[in-house]
Amino acid sequence: MDLFTYLIPAALIAVASVLAVGIYALFRGGDFGRSYSNKLMRLRVVMQAVAIAVLMGALWWRTRH
């Protein structure tokens, strides 16, 4: 087992969690929605970039070894 066995699911869970909270904030509205929905969607994009980087790192690592 290598580190990517744990990093890939962790990255995917992080993306799904931020997406779920962001959608909740978007549909809830009010002060919470105004304050956090856009910030959470931006964080989701960053988390997706991290998840893609982890997946590409795993692919590179596994084809190298």
C-alpha atoms as a PDB file:
ATOM      1  CA  MET A   1       0.000   0.000   0.000  1.00  0.00           C
ATOM      2  CA  ASP A   2       1.211   3.446  -0.770  1.00  0.00           C
ATOM      3  CA  LEU A   3       0.278   6.956   0.269  1.00  0.00           C
ATOM      4  CA  PHE A   4      -2.031   7.443  -2.715  1.00  0.00           C
ATOM      5  CA  THR A   5      -4.329   4.709  -1.396  1.00  0.00           C
ATOM      6  CA  TYR A   6      -5.351   7.203   1.300  1.00  0.00           C
ATOM      7  CA  LEU A   7      -4.835  10.511  -0.522  1.00  0.00           C
ATOM      8  CA  ILE A   8      -7.194   9.804  -3.422  1.00  0.00           C
ATOM      9  CA  PRO A   9     -10.288   9.023  -1.307  1.00  0.00           C
ATOM     10  CA  ALA A  10      -9.453  11.897   1.064  1.00  0.00           C
ATOM     11  CA  ALA A  11      -9.258  14.350  -1.843  1.00  0.00           C
ATOM     12  CA  LEU A  12     -12.532  13.102  -3.326  1.00  0.00           C
ATOM     13  CA  ILE A  13     -14.319  13.274   0.024  1.00  0.00           C
ATOM     14  CA  ALA A  14     -13.009  16.816   0.540  1.00  0.00           C
ATOM     15  CA  VAL A  15     -14.352  17.908  -2.861  1.00  0.00           C
ATOM     16  CA  ALA A  16     -17.742  16.291  -2.220  1.00  0.00           C
ATOM     17  CA  SER A  17     -17.980  17.851   1.245  1.00  0.00           C
ATOM     18  CA  VAL A  18     -17.187  21.362   0.067  1.00  0.00           C
ATOM     19  CA  LEU A  19     -19.618  20.940  -2.829  1.00  0.00           C
ATOM     20  CA  ALA A  20     -22.397  19.774  -0.498  1.00  0.00           C
ATOM     21  CA  VAL A  21     -21.912  22.648   1.933  1.00  0.00           C
ATOM     22  CA  GLY A  22     -21.663  25.102  -0.962  1.00  0.00           C
ATOM     23  CA  ILE A  23     -24.932  23.905  -2.487  1.00  0.00           C
ATOM     24  CA  TYR A  24     -26.567  24.033   0.949  1.00  0.00           C
ATOM     25  CA  ALA A  25     -25.401  27.640   1.387  1.00  0.00           C
ATOM     26  CA  LEU A  26     -26.587  28.527  -2.110  1.00  0.00           C
ATOM     27  CA  PHE A  27     -30.111  27.245  -1.553  1.00  0.00           C
ATOM     28  CA  ARG A  28     -30.418  28.367   2.060  1.00  0.00           C
ATOM     29  CA  GLY A  29     -29.935  31.998   1.142  1.00  0.00           C
ATOM     30  CA  GLY A  30     -30.013  34.761   3.716  1.00  0.00           C
ATOM     31  CA  ASP A  31     -26.869  36.106   5.319  1.00  0.00           C
ATOM     32  CA  PHE A  32     -25.217  32.688   5.399  1.00  0.00           C
ATOM     33  CA  GLY A  33     -25.813  32.119   1.697  1.00  0.00           C
ATOM     34  CA  ARG A  34     -24.653  35.576   0.715  1.00  0.00           C
ATOM     35  CA  SER A  35     -21.516  35.309   2.796  1.00  0.00           C
ATOM     36  CA  TYR A  36     -20.417  31.776   2.041  1.00  0.00           C
ATOM     37  CA  SER A  37     -21.899  30.309  -1.154  1.00  0.00           C
ATOM     38  CA  ASN A  38     -19.482  32.021  -3.551  1.00  0.00           C
ATOM     39  CA  LYS A  39     -16.485  31.438  -1.271  1.00  0.00           C
ATOM     40  CA  LEU A  40     -17.348  27.763  -0.932  1.00  0.00           C
ATOM     41  CA  MET A  41     -17.717  27.322  -4.688  1.00  0.00           C
ATOM     42  CA  ARG A  42     -14.300  28.915  -5.176  1.00  0.00           C
ATOM     43  CA  LEU A  43     -12.891  26.576  -2.537  1.00  0.00           C
ATOM     44  CA  ARG A  44     -14.487  23.671  -4.426  1.00  0.00           C
ATOM     45  CA  VAL A  45     -12.568  24.630  -7.559  1.00  0.00           C
ATOM     46  CA  VAL A  46      -9.321  24.702  -5.576  1.00  0.00           C
ATOM     47  CA  MET A  47     -10.128  21.335  -4.011  1.00  0.00           C
ATOM     48  CA  GLN A  48     -10.853  19.876  -7.446  1.00  0.00           C
ATOM     49  CA  ALA A  49      -7.458  21.097  -8.654  1.00  0.00           C
ATOM     50  CA  VAL A  50      -5.819  19.428  -5.658  1.00  0.00           C
ATOM     51  CA  ALA A  51      -7.743  16.203  -6.343  1.00  0.00           C
ATOM     52  CA  ILE A  52      -6.642  16.222  -9.981  1.00  0.00           C
ATOM     53  CA  ALA A  53      -3.039  16.840  -8.911  1.00  0.00           C
ATOM     54  CA  VAL A  54      -3.237  13.881  -6.508  1.00  0.00           C
ATOM     55  CA  LEU A  55      -4.718  11.649  -9.232  1.00  0.00           C
ATOM     56  CA  MET A  56      -2.047  12.681 -11.721  1.00  0.00           C
ATOM     57  CA  GLY A  57       0.646  12.131  -9.095  1.00  0.00           C
ATOM     58  CA  ALA A  58      -0.709   8.644  -8.433  1.00  0.00           C
ATOM     59  CA  LEU A  59      -0.778   7.868 -12.128  1.00  0.00           C
ATOM     60  CA  TRP A  60       2.791   9.068 -12.554  1.00  0.00           C
ATOM     61  CA  TRP A  61       3.964   7.174  -9.466  1.00  0.00           C
ATOM     62  CA  ARG A  62       2.312   3.896 -10.450  1.00  0.00           C
ATOM     63  CA  THR A  63       3.561   3.954 -14.045  1.00  0.00           C
ATOM     64  CA  ARG A  64       7.068   4.742 -12.823  1.00  0.00           C
ATOM     65  CA  HIS A  65       7.255   1.837 -10.357  1.00  0.00           C
END
